[in-house]
């Protein structure tokens, strides 16, 4: 199944935020993506950085594959950390 067929099967459309973790022997890494376009076989997405202070909207969209992780939809880019009063 190609990336777009997977998105359609799971109900993911433009604007959906996905989270997926890639695991290695001694390490794992989680990413979040914002789907920006669905083509015939490929998706475009913008990587959402872990740092919520970063202005992720200035990032460029890139083709992404959904093959190497178990992706699921999430509600927000990343949880906002508690801020200490100034």
N, C-alpha and C. Protein backbone atom coordinates (compact mmCIF):
# COMPACT_ATOMS: atom_id res chain seq x y z
N UNK A 1 0.85 -1.17 0.00
CA UNK A 1 0.00 0.00 0.00
C UNK A 1 0.90 1.24 0.00
N UNK A 2 0.63 2.19 -0.91
CA UNK A 2 1.47 3.39 -0.93
C UNK A 2 1.05 4.36 0.18
N UNK A 3 1.83 5.42 0.36
CA UNK A 3 1.60 6.37 1.45
C UNK A 3 0.24 7.04 1.39
N UNK A 4 -0.20 7.43 0.20
CA UNK A 4 -1.48 8.12 0.07
C UNK A 4 -2.63 7.15 0.36
N UNK A 5 -2.53 5.92 -0.11
CA UNK A 5 -3.57 4.93 0.18
C UNK A 5 -3.69 4.69 1.69
N UNK A 6 -2.54 4.64 2.38
CA UNK A 6 -2.55 4.48 3.83
C UNK A 6 -3.24 5.66 4.50
N UNK A 7 -2.93 6.88 4.06
CA UNK A 7 -3.57 8.07 4.62
C UNK A 7 -5.09 8.01 4.42
N UNK A 8 -5.52 7.67 3.23
CA UNK A 8 -6.95 7.61 2.95
C UNK A 8 -7.62 6.52 3.78
N UNK A 9 -6.98 5.37 3.92
CA UNK A 9 -7.54 4.28 4.71
C UNK A 9 -7.74 4.68 6.16
N UNK A 10 -6.80 5.47 6.69
CA UNK A 10 -6.86 5.88 8.10
C UNK A 10 -7.58 7.21 8.32
N UNK A 11 -8.04 7.83 7.23
CA UNK A 11 -8.77 9.09 7.36
C UNK A 11 -7.89 10.30 7.58
N UNK A 12 -6.60 10.21 7.24
CA UNK A 12 -5.68 11.32 7.41
C UNK A 12 -5.73 12.20 6.17
N UNK A 13 -5.93 13.49 6.37
CA UNK A 13 -6.02 14.43 5.27
C UNK A 13 -5.02 15.57 5.49
N UNK A 14 -5.01 16.52 4.58
CA UNK A 14 -4.18 17.71 4.74
C UNK A 14 -4.54 18.37 6.07
N UNK A 15 -3.53 18.69 6.86
CA UNK A 15 -3.74 19.29 8.17
C UNK A 15 -3.62 18.30 9.32
N UNK A 16 -3.63 17.01 9.03
CA UNK A 16 -3.47 15.99 10.07
C UNK A 16 -2.03 16.00 10.58
N UNK A 17 -1.88 15.91 11.89
CA UNK A 17 -0.55 15.80 12.50
C UNK A 17 -0.34 14.34 12.88
N UNK A 18 0.76 13.79 12.40
CA UNK A 18 1.11 12.39 12.66
C UNK A 18 2.31 12.30 13.58
N UNK A 19 2.33 11.25 14.41
CA UNK A 19 3.47 10.97 15.27
C UNK A 19 3.91 9.53 15.02
N UNK A 20 5.20 9.34 14.88
CA UNK A 20 5.74 8.00 14.69
C UNK A 20 7.09 7.87 15.35
N UNK A 21 7.36 6.70 15.91
CA UNK A 21 8.63 6.43 16.58
C UNK A 21 9.40 5.39 15.80
N UNK A 22 10.66 5.68 15.56
CA UNK A 22 11.57 4.75 14.90
C UNK A 22 12.52 4.22 15.97
N UNK A 23 12.60 2.91 16.10
CA UNK A 23 13.41 2.30 17.15
C UNK A 23 14.63 1.60 16.56
N UNK A 24 15.73 1.75 17.27
CA UNK A 24 16.98 1.10 16.93
C UNK A 24 17.39 0.25 18.12
N UNK A 25 18.55 -0.38 18.05
CA UNK A 25 19.01 -1.25 19.13
C UNK A 25 19.08 -0.51 20.47
N UNK A 26 19.75 0.63 20.50
CA UNK A 26 19.96 1.37 21.76
C UNK A 26 19.31 2.74 21.76
N UNK A 27 18.39 2.98 20.86
CA UNK A 27 17.93 4.36 20.66
C UNK A 27 16.58 4.35 19.97
N UNK A 28 15.74 5.31 20.31
CA UNK A 28 14.50 5.51 19.56
C UNK A 28 14.30 7.01 19.34
N UNK A 29 13.59 7.33 18.29
CA UNK A 29 13.39 8.73 17.93
C UNK A 29 11.95 8.92 17.46
N UNK A 30 11.27 9.91 18.03
CA UNK A 30 9.88 10.20 17.67
C UNK A 30 9.83 11.50 16.90
N UNK A 31 9.08 11.49 15.82
CA UNK A 31 8.86 12.68 15.01
C UNK A 31 7.38 12.97 14.89
N UNK A 32 7.06 14.22 14.65
CA UNK A 32 5.71 14.62 14.30
C UNK A 32 5.75 15.37 12.98
N UNK A 33 4.76 15.08 12.15
CA UNK A 33 4.65 15.67 10.82
C UNK A 33 3.28 16.30 10.64
N UNK A 34 3.23 17.38 9.90
CA UNK A 34 1.98 18.00 9.50
C UNK A 34 1.81 17.70 8.01
N UNK A 35 0.76 16.95 7.65
CA UNK A 35 0.52 16.65 6.24
C UNK A 35 0.09 17.94 5.53
N UNK A 36 0.81 18.29 4.46
CA UNK A 36 0.50 19.52 3.72
C UNK A 36 -0.09 19.25 2.34
N UNK A 37 0.11 18.04 1.80
CA UNK A 37 -0.46 17.70 0.49
C UNK A 37 -0.47 16.19 0.32
N UNK A 38 -1.50 15.70 -0.39
CA UNK A 38 -1.59 14.30 -0.76
C UNK A 38 -1.60 14.23 -2.27
N UNK A 39 -0.61 13.55 -2.85
CA UNK A 39 -0.56 13.37 -4.29
C UNK A 39 -1.22 12.06 -4.67
N UNK A 40 -0.84 11.52 -5.80
CA UNK A 40 -1.37 10.23 -6.22
C UNK A 40 -0.74 9.08 -5.44
N UNK A 41 0.57 9.17 -5.17
CA UNK A 41 1.27 8.12 -4.44
C UNK A 41 2.12 8.64 -3.29
N UNK A 42 2.38 9.92 -3.25
CA UNK A 42 3.28 10.50 -2.24
C UNK A 42 2.57 11.56 -1.43
N UNK A 43 3.12 11.78 -0.23
CA UNK A 43 2.62 12.88 0.60
C UNK A 43 3.72 13.92 0.77
N UNK A 44 3.30 15.15 0.98
CA UNK A 44 4.21 16.21 1.41
C UNK A 44 3.85 16.51 2.85
N UNK A 45 4.88 16.76 3.66
CA UNK A 45 4.64 17.06 5.07
C UNK A 45 5.72 17.99 5.57
N UNK A 46 5.39 18.70 6.62
CA UNK A 46 6.33 19.60 7.29
C UNK A 46 6.69 18.96 8.63
N UNK A 47 7.97 18.80 8.90
CA UNK A 47 8.45 18.26 10.18
C UNK A 47 8.16 19.28 11.27
N UNK A 48 7.61 18.81 12.38
CA UNK A 48 7.33 19.68 13.53
C UNK A 48 8.39 19.43 14.59
N UNK A 49 9.19 20.44 14.91
CA UNK A 49 10.30 20.22 15.86
C UNK A 49 9.81 19.98 17.28
N UNK A 50 10.64 19.31 18.07
CA UNK A 50 10.32 19.04 19.48
C UNK A 50 10.26 20.32 20.29
N UNK A 51 11.00 21.34 19.88
CA UNK A 51 11.06 22.59 20.63
C UNK A 51 9.83 23.42 20.28
N UNK A 52 8.86 23.54 21.19
CA UNK A 52 7.65 24.29 20.87
C UNK A 52 7.89 25.78 20.68
N UNK A 53 9.05 26.27 21.10
CA UNK A 53 9.37 27.68 20.89
C UNK A 53 9.81 27.95 19.45
N UNK A 54 10.19 26.90 18.73
CA UNK A 54 10.63 27.06 17.34
C UNK A 54 9.43 27.43 16.48
N UNK A 55 9.65 28.24 15.50
CA UNK A 55 8.58 28.67 14.60
C UNK A 55 8.51 27.66 13.45
N UNK A 56 7.81 26.55 13.68
CA UNK A 56 7.81 25.46 12.71
C UNK A 56 7.13 25.82 11.41
N UNK A 57 6.28 26.83 11.39
CA UNK A 57 5.60 27.18 10.14
C UNK A 57 6.57 27.74 9.10
N UNK A 58 7.75 28.13 9.53
CA UNK A 58 8.72 28.64 8.57
C UNK A 58 9.46 27.51 7.86
N UNK A 59 9.27 26.28 8.32
CA UNK A 59 9.93 25.13 7.69
C UNK A 59 9.32 24.83 6.33
N UNK A 60 10.09 24.17 5.50
CA UNK A 60 9.62 23.81 4.17
C UNK A 60 9.02 22.41 4.20
N UNK A 61 8.08 22.17 3.30
CA UNK A 61 7.50 20.84 3.19
C UNK A 61 8.41 19.96 2.34
N UNK A 62 8.38 18.66 2.63
CA UNK A 62 9.21 17.69 1.94
C UNK A 62 8.40 16.42 1.71
N UNK A 63 8.78 15.62 0.72
CA UNK A 63 8.15 14.31 0.58
C UNK A 63 8.54 13.43 1.78
N UNK A 64 7.59 12.70 2.33
CA UNK A 64 7.85 11.80 3.45
C UNK A 64 7.33 10.42 3.12
N UNK A 65 7.97 9.42 3.67
CA UNK A 65 7.47 8.05 3.59
C UNK A 65 6.96 7.65 4.97
N UNK A 66 5.92 6.85 4.98
CA UNK A 66 5.34 6.40 6.24
C UNK A 66 5.69 4.94 6.51
N UNK A 67 6.67 4.42 5.79
CA UNK A 67 6.97 2.98 5.82
C UNK A 67 7.70 2.50 7.07
N UNK A 68 8.57 3.26 7.66
CA UNK A 68 9.47 2.75 8.69
C UNK A 68 9.00 3.00 10.13
N UNK A 69 7.79 3.51 10.30
CA UNK A 69 7.29 3.80 11.64
C UNK A 69 5.81 3.43 11.71
N UNK A 70 5.33 3.22 12.90
CA UNK A 70 3.91 3.01 13.12
C UNK A 70 3.32 4.38 13.45
N UNK A 71 2.74 5.04 12.47
CA UNK A 71 2.23 6.40 12.62
C UNK A 71 0.82 6.40 13.19
N UNK A 72 0.50 7.44 13.96
CA UNK A 72 -0.87 7.67 14.44
C UNK A 72 -1.11 9.17 14.49
N UNK A 73 -2.36 9.56 14.39
CA UNK A 73 -2.73 10.98 14.41
C UNK A 73 -2.72 11.48 15.85
N UNK A 74 -2.28 12.73 16.03
CA UNK A 74 -2.29 13.40 17.33
C UNK A 74 -2.95 14.76 17.18
N UNK A 75 -3.34 15.36 18.29
CA UNK A 75 -4.11 16.60 18.26
C UNK A 75 -3.27 17.86 18.13
N UNK A 76 -2.01 17.83 18.55
CA UNK A 76 -1.23 19.07 18.59
C UNK A 76 0.23 18.79 18.23
N UNK A 77 0.97 19.84 17.84
CA UNK A 77 2.38 19.65 17.49
C UNK A 77 3.19 18.99 18.61
N UNK A 78 3.27 19.55 19.78
CA UNK A 78 3.93 18.97 20.94
C UNK A 78 3.32 19.60 22.18
N UNK A 79 3.29 18.91 23.31
CA UNK A 79 2.79 19.54 24.54
C UNK A 79 3.65 20.75 24.91
N UNK A 80 3.00 21.80 25.33
CA UNK A 80 3.73 23.00 25.76
C UNK A 80 4.27 22.77 27.16
N UNK A 81 5.54 23.10 27.40
CA UNK A 81 6.11 22.94 28.74
C UNK A 81 5.54 24.00 29.69
N UNK A 82 5.54 23.67 30.96
CA UNK A 82 5.13 24.63 31.97
C UNK A 82 6.15 25.78 31.99
N UNK A 83 5.66 26.99 32.05
CA UNK A 83 6.54 28.15 32.13
C UNK A 83 6.58 28.68 33.55
N UNK A 84 7.77 29.01 33.98
CA UNK A 84 7.88 29.58 35.32
C UNK A 84 7.51 31.05 35.27
N UNK A 85 6.87 31.56 36.32
CA UNK A 85 6.52 32.99 36.33
C UNK A 85 7.77 33.86 36.31
N UNK A 86 7.68 34.97 35.66
CA UNK A 86 8.83 35.90 35.59
C UNK A 86 8.77 36.93 36.65
